[in-house]
Protein backbone atom coordinates (compact mmCIF):
# COMPACT_ATOMS: atom_id res chain seq x y z
CA MET A 1 -12.18 1.51 1.29
CA LYS A 2 -12.85 0.68 4.92
CA GLU A 3 -9.94 1.29 7.26
CA GLU A 4 -8.75 -1.79 9.11
CA HIS A 5 -8.70 -2.01 12.90
CA VAL A 6 -5.09 -2.43 13.94
CA HIS A 7 -4.34 -4.86 16.75
CA ARG A 8 -1.36 -3.72 18.81
CA SER A 9 -0.09 -5.91 21.60
CA ARG A 10 2.21 -4.65 24.32
CA ALA A 11 3.95 -8.02 24.49
CA PRO A 12 4.48 -10.38 21.56
CA GLU A 13 3.41 -13.47 23.48
CA LEU A 14 1.41 -16.32 21.97
CA MET A 15 -0.69 -14.02 19.80
CA ARG A 16 -1.23 -16.66 17.11
CA ARG A 17 -2.11 -20.32 16.92
CA THR A 18 -1.91 -20.62 13.14
CA HIS A 19 1.26 -21.50 11.21
CA SER A 20 2.42 -18.55 9.14
CA VAL A 21 4.98 -17.36 6.65
CA VAL A 22 6.02 -13.96 7.96
CA THR A 23 7.74 -11.01 6.31
CA PRO A 24 8.99 -8.58 8.98
CA GLY A 25 9.84 -4.92 8.39
CA ASN A 26 8.44 -1.40 8.41
CA HIS A 27 6.66 -1.75 5.05
CA ASP A 28 6.22 2.02 4.86
CA GLY A 29 4.63 2.88 1.53
CA VAL A 30 3.93 -0.79 0.67
CA HIS A 31 5.94 -0.45 -2.52
CA LEU A 32 7.00 -2.98 -5.18
CA GLY A 33 9.77 -4.31 -2.95
CA HIS A 34 7.33 -5.00 -0.14
CA ARG A 35 4.91 -6.62 -2.57
CA ALA A 36 7.65 -8.93 -3.81
CA LEU A 37 8.19 -10.08 -0.22
CA ILE A 38 4.46 -10.58 0.28
CA ASN A 39 4.11 -12.51 -2.97
CA ALA A 40 6.97 -14.82 -2.04
CA ALA A 41 5.52 -15.39 1.42
CA LYS A 42 2.09 -16.04 -0.05
CA ARG A 43 3.40 -18.66 -2.49
CA THR A 44 4.90 -20.69 0.34
CA ALA A 45 1.96 -20.15 2.68
CA ASP A 46 -0.63 -21.16 0.09
CA ALA A 47 1.33 -24.29 -0.80
CA HIS A 48 1.08 -25.50 2.81
CA GLY A 49 -2.26 -24.07 3.88
CA TRP A 50 -0.61 -21.54 6.19
CA GLN A 51 -1.26 -17.81 6.59
CA THR A 52 0.66 -14.96 4.99
CA LEU A 53 1.65 -12.57 7.75
CA ALA A 54 3.26 -9.13 7.60
CA MET A 55 4.96 -7.77 10.68
CA CYS A 56 5.36 -4.04 11.32
CA PHE A 57 6.80 -1.97 14.14
CA GLU A 58 5.30 1.16 15.65
CA PRO A 59 6.73 3.69 16.01
CA HIS A 60 9.42 3.46 13.34
CA PRO A 61 12.53 2.06 15.11
CA THR A 62 14.62 5.08 14.12
CA ALA A 63 12.16 7.34 15.96
CA VAL A 64 13.17 5.51 19.16
CA LEU A 65 16.86 4.86 18.53
CA ALA A 66 17.82 8.11 16.75
CA PRO A 67 14.87 10.54 16.79
CA GLU A 68 16.83 13.25 15.00
CA ARG A 69 17.08 10.94 11.96
CA ALA A 70 13.53 9.58 12.07
CA PRO A 71 11.95 9.61 8.59
CA VAL A 72 8.64 11.24 7.80
CA LEU A 73 6.26 8.34 7.22
CA ILE A 74 4.65 7.74 3.84
CA THR A 75 1.64 5.89 5.29
CA ASP A 76 0.20 5.76 8.80
CA MET A 77 -0.24 2.36 10.39
CA ASN A 78 -4.00 1.98 9.92
CA ARG A 79 -3.65 2.68 6.21
CA ARG A 80 -0.58 0.48 5.94
CA VAL A 81 -2.43 -2.49 7.42
CA GLU A 82 -5.31 -1.92 5.01
CA ILE A 83 -2.99 -1.87 2.00
CA LEU A 84 -0.94 -4.85 3.21
CA LYS A 85 -4.10 -6.93 3.49
CA GLY A 86 -5.20 -5.77 0.07
CA ALA A 87 -1.81 -6.85 -1.28
CA GLY A 88 -2.33 -10.43 -0.11
CA CYS A 89 -1.56 -10.64 3.61
CA ASP A 90 -4.01 -12.65 5.68
CA ASP A 91 -3.06 -10.70 8.77
CA VAL A 92 -0.70 -8.00 10.03
CA VAL A 93 1.00 -8.00 13.42
CA VAL A 94 1.96 -4.54 14.68
CA LEU A 95 4.55 -4.71 17.46
CA PRO A 96 5.20 -1.68 19.67
CA PHE A 97 8.83 -0.68 19.36
CA ASP A 98 10.43 0.90 22.43
CA SER A 99 13.83 0.95 24.12
CA GLU A 100 13.12 -2.36 25.87
CA PHE A 101 12.16 -4.04 22.59
CA SER A 102 15.31 -2.67 20.94
CA LYS A 103 17.47 -4.48 23.50
CA MET A 104 16.22 -7.93 22.46
CA THR A 105 19.04 -10.17 21.33
CA PRO A 106 18.68 -11.87 17.95
CA ASP A 107 17.96 -15.13 19.78
CA GLN A 108 15.19 -13.50 21.81
CA PHE A 109 13.71 -11.92 18.69
CA VAL A 110 13.51 -15.29 16.94
CA GLN A 111 12.03 -17.07 19.94
CA ARG A 112 9.63 -14.44 21.26
CA VAL A 113 8.60 -12.70 18.04
CA LEU A 114 8.95 -15.10 15.13
CA LEU A 115 8.12 -18.34 16.93
CA ASP A 116 5.91 -17.38 19.87
CA ALA A 117 4.13 -14.36 18.40
CA CYS A 118 3.92 -15.39 14.75
CA ASP A 119 4.16 -19.21 14.82
CA ALA A 120 6.48 -18.82 11.85
CA LYS A 121 7.09 -21.81 9.58
CA GLY A 122 8.72 -19.56 7.02
CA VAL A 123 10.36 -16.12 7.02
CA VAL A 124 10.78 -13.96 3.90
CA VAL A 125 13.23 -11.04 3.99
CA GLY A 126 15.29 -8.75 1.78
CA PRO A 127 19.11 -8.73 1.66
CA ASP A 128 19.49 -5.80 4.09
CA PHE A 129 17.39 -7.44 6.83
CA HIS A 130 18.90 -7.17 10.33
CA PHE A 131 17.29 -7.85 13.66
CA GLY A 132 17.98 -7.82 17.37
CA HIS A 133 20.00 -5.43 19.52
CA LYS A 134 22.17 -3.09 17.42
CA ARG A 135 21.05 -4.97 14.29
CA SER A 136 23.40 -7.78 15.26
CA GLY A 137 21.28 -10.51 13.63
CA ASN A 138 21.44 -11.03 9.86
CA ILE A 139 20.49 -13.51 7.14
CA VAL A 140 23.14 -16.01 8.25
CA THR A 141 21.92 -15.85 11.86
CA LEU A 142 18.33 -16.24 10.73
CA ARG A 143 19.09 -19.28 8.58
CA GLN A 144 20.94 -20.93 11.43
CA TRP A 145 17.89 -20.48 13.62
CA GLY A 146 15.65 -21.74 10.85
CA GLN A 147 17.60 -24.98 10.58
CA GLN A 148 17.42 -25.42 14.32
CA GLU A 149 13.74 -24.54 14.79
CA GLY A 150 12.33 -25.86 11.56
CA PHE A 151 11.33 -22.74 9.63
CA SER A 152 12.44 -21.83 6.12
CA VAL A 153 14.17 -18.58 5.22
CA GLU A 154 13.73 -17.07 1.75
CA LEU A 155 15.77 -14.14 0.51
CA VAL A 156 14.08 -11.87 -2.05
CA GLU A 157 16.26 -9.51 -4.08
CA PRO A 158 15.31 -5.83 -4.38
CA VAL A 159 12.94 -4.77 -7.14
CA MET A 160 14.61 -2.39 -9.58
CA PHE A 161 13.05 0.63 -11.27
CA GLU A 162 15.01 2.73 -13.76
CA GLY A 163 18.33 1.34 -12.59
CA ASP A 164 17.90 1.68 -8.82
CA ALA A 165 16.27 -0.38 -6.10
CA VAL A 166 12.76 0.56 -5.03
CA SER A 167 12.83 1.58 -1.37
CA SER A 168 10.95 3.73 1.12
CA THR A 169 13.98 6.03 1.33
CA ARG A 170 13.96 6.54 -2.43
CA LEU A 171 10.24 7.23 -2.41
CA ARG A 172 10.63 9.86 0.29
CA ARG A 173 13.41 11.54 -1.67
CA ILE A 174 11.66 11.77 -5.04
CA LEU A 175 8.42 12.94 -3.45
CA SER A 176 9.83 15.58 -1.11
CA GLU A 177 12.70 16.83 -3.32
CA ASP A 178 11.21 16.50 -6.81
CA GLY A 179 7.46 16.16 -6.37
CA ASN A 180 7.74 13.20 -8.74
CA VAL A 181 4.39 11.65 -7.94
CA GLU A 182 4.29 9.85 -11.30
CA ASP A 183 7.35 7.65 -10.61
CA ALA A 184 6.23 7.23 -6.99
CA ALA A 185 2.91 5.83 -8.22
CA VAL A 186 4.70 3.28 -10.40
CA MET A 187 6.88 2.18 -7.47
CA MET A 188 3.91 1.90 -5.09
CA THR A 189 1.42 0.61 -7.70
CA ARG A 190 -0.93 3.34 -6.48
CA VAL A 191 -0.89 7.11 -6.25
CA HIS A 192 0.67 8.76 -3.23
CA GLU A 193 -2.02 10.13 -0.95
CA THR A 194 -2.82 12.16 2.11
CA THR A 195 -5.91 12.25 4.28
CA GLY A 196 -7.23 15.12 6.35
CA LEU A 197 -10.15 16.95 7.87
CA ILE A 198 -11.70 19.72 5.78
CA VAL A 199 -11.61 22.98 7.72
CA GLN A 200 -12.66 26.54 6.97
CA GLY A 201 -10.03 28.62 5.19
CA ASP A 202 -9.83 32.27 4.17
CA GLN A 203 -12.17 31.67 1.16
CA ARG A 204 -9.89 33.44 -1.31
CA GLY A 205 -10.40 30.57 -3.73
CA ARG A 206 -14.12 31.22 -3.78
CA GLU A 207 -13.50 34.89 -4.49
CA LEU A 208 -11.32 33.86 -7.43
CA GLY A 209 -14.02 31.56 -8.78
CA PHE A 210 -12.24 28.37 -7.70
CA PRO A 211 -13.58 27.30 -4.28
CA THR A 212 -11.20 25.03 -2.40
CA ALA A 213 -11.38 22.46 0.36
CA ASN A 214 -8.70 23.24 2.94
CA LEU A 215 -7.24 20.05 4.33
CA GLU A 216 -5.89 19.76 7.86
CA VAL A 217 -3.41 16.92 7.46
CA GLY A 218 -1.31 14.86 9.86
CA PRO A 219 2.49 14.52 10.06
CA LEU A 220 2.85 12.33 6.96
CA LEU A 221 4.94 12.88 3.85
CA LEU A 222 3.57 15.38 1.35
CA PRO A 223 5.00 15.96 -2.14
CA LYS A 224 7.16 18.98 -2.80
CA ASP A 225 5.23 22.26 -2.73
CA GLY A 226 3.43 22.98 -5.96
CA VAL A 227 0.28 22.32 -7.97
CA TYR A 228 -0.95 18.78 -8.68
CA ALA A 229 -3.70 16.99 -10.55
CA VAL A 230 -5.51 14.93 -7.92
CA VAL A 231 -8.24 12.42 -7.32
CA ALA A 232 -10.19 12.50 -4.07
CA ARG A 233 -12.80 10.64 -2.11
CA LEU A 234 -14.87 11.57 0.94
CA LEU A 235 -14.28 8.94 3.61
CA ASP A 236 -17.36 9.49 5.76
CA GLU A 237 -19.87 8.67 3.05
CA THR A 238 -20.56 5.11 1.92
CA GLY A 239 -20.12 4.73 -1.82
CA SER A 240 -18.60 8.18 -2.21
CA PRO A 241 -17.62 8.68 -5.88
CA LEU A 242 -14.10 9.36 -7.07
CA LEU A 243 -13.69 13.10 -7.56
CA HIS A 244 -11.21 14.92 -9.79
CA GLY A 245 -9.49 18.17 -9.01
CA VAL A 246 -6.36 20.25 -8.65
CA ALA A 247 -4.44 20.83 -5.42
CA ASN A 248 -2.04 23.50 -4.25
CA LEU A 249 0.54 22.65 -1.58
CA GLY A 250 2.62 25.41 -0.11
CA ASN A 251 2.80 28.89 1.41
CA ARG A 252 0.50 30.81 -0.97
CA PRO A 253 3.17 33.47 -1.67
CA THR A 254 0.83 35.78 -3.58
CA PHE A 255 -1.03 36.44 -0.31
CA GLY A 256 1.65 35.55 2.25
CA ALA A 257 -1.07 33.46 3.84
CA GLY A 258 0.98 30.61 5.31
CA ARG A 259 1.13 26.89 4.58
CA SER A 260 -1.91 25.01 3.37
CA VAL A 261 -3.18 22.04 1.40
CA GLU A 262 -6.02 23.32 -0.80
CA VAL A 263 -8.05 21.22 -3.21
CA HIS A 264 -10.39 22.52 -5.91
CA LEU A 265 -12.80 19.78 -6.99
CA PHE A 266 -14.10 20.00 -10.54
CA GLY A 267 -17.87 20.34 -10.78
CA PHE A 268 -18.46 19.80 -7.07
CA ASP A 269 -21.04 21.86 -5.22
CA GLY A 270 -21.68 20.98 -1.59
CA ASP A 271 -20.74 21.54 2.05
CA LEU A 272 -17.49 19.79 2.93
CA TYR A 273 -16.64 21.31 6.30
CA GLY A 274 -15.96 18.73 8.99
CA LYS A 275 -15.64 15.83 6.56
CA ARG A 276 -12.57 13.67 6.02
CA MET A 277 -11.17 13.47 2.53
CA ARG A 278 -8.42 11.32 0.99
CA VAL A 279 -6.48 12.98 -1.82
CA GLY A 280 -4.28 11.13 -4.29
CA PHE A 281 -1.58 12.96 -6.27
CA VAL A 282 -1.72 11.92 -9.93
CA ALA A 283 0.61 14.38 -11.70
CA ARG A 284 2.69 17.45 -10.91
CA ILE A 285 1.55 20.51 -12.85
CA ARG A 286 4.04 23.16 -11.74
CA GLY A 287 5.93 24.61 -8.81
CA GLU A 288 4.54 27.27 -6.51
CA SER A 289 4.76 30.82 -7.85
CA LYS A 290 4.03 34.37 -6.75
CA PHE A 291 1.77 36.44 -9.02
CA ASP A 292 1.45 40.20 -9.47
CA GLY A 293 -2.26 40.31 -8.80
CA LEU A 294 -5.55 38.45 -8.55
CA GLU A 295 -6.22 38.48 -12.28
CA ALA A 296 -2.84 36.93 -13.11
CA LEU A 297 -3.44 34.29 -10.44
CA ARG A 298 -6.96 33.60 -11.73
CA GLU A 299 -5.66 33.07 -15.27
CA GLN A 300 -2.95 30.72 -14.04
CA ILE A 301 -5.43 28.67 -11.98
CA ASP A 302 -7.58 28.35 -15.08
CA ARG A 303 -4.59 26.98 -16.99
CA ASP A 304 -3.76 24.67 -14.06
CA CYS A 305 -7.27 23.23 -14.17
CA ASP A 306 -7.00 22.54 -17.90
CA GLN A 307 -3.64 20.80 -17.44
CA ALA A 308 -4.95 18.80 -14.51
CA LYS A 309 -8.00 17.66 -16.47
CA ASN A 310 -5.76 16.51 -19.32
CA ALA A 311 -3.49 14.63 -16.92
CA LEU A 312 -6.46 12.98 -15.22
CA GLN A 313 -7.88 11.85 -18.56
CA GLN A 314 -4.63 9.97 -19.18
CA ARG A 315 -4.35 8.44 -15.69
CA ASN A 316 -3.99 4.72 -15.18
CA PRO A 317 -7.16 3.52 -13.39
CA ASP A 318 -5.19 0.82 -11.56
CA LEU A 319 -3.10 3.45 -9.80
CA VAL A 320 -6.10 5.14 -8.15
CA ARG A 321 -7.96 2.03 -7.02
CA TRP A 322 -6.89 2.47 -3.38
CA ILE A 323 -8.23 6.00 -2.97
């Protein structure tokens, strides 16, 4: 899928001339909760002939206000915009968040951002929505402004999954602590992914009979170290087919070779160096282990491939459509 160009404005001033229903937030991961907000905004927007607009902030506000607590992002902004548009947004406004922006009062946020920048006729938020300096604005404040300025405010309750609310924080926890890519895929309606440049590795996989693509990835969230069934697609080739494979994330303890993201693609024979590849994590096969020798490792990789192929045969096609 083609990556969207992201428009970032240094000042949220008169960027739009079209009435919109806006849902502001970080939208990291674009999960079921975010989609519920988008769907609600779209219902109102479509009924009036307005646009459905998502608003994001970059960098994540916590990275500015409390860097030591800043979360590892699930999706970078270019990818987030692409997925938000695919989920039903007509447009996405990305506002740079810095110390000056953080000092906006709630009144200034409504006037400068919602009204001037977004031409909002409706605002859709979740129950924990706060805005303005020190998060001093809330739903009550927003509704008061809506009555005064003539925009509606709709509150959407959290989406629940297995007894708990779907959230970006929950996604980060189950991915990084448990490697639970299966539940993450349900909550995001797509498999968790990473994208990177394929670089030359130490070629031990080839010696073992399982050549791997070594991925140089950015500072985004990866699942817990281990072995995963994956789908992949080369991003620099138009119409690139969906590939199946198995990936190892971790420190390669058998060799003491350091951290890596290695992907073995089933039945693939070709030069991948210098190409960008997106990898989606379909199922966790096992944790990372140290083996006594090459033969024991080779036998385990063979079993991993069989398990990964079985898991990929049972995959839900809808969950890999974004790769």
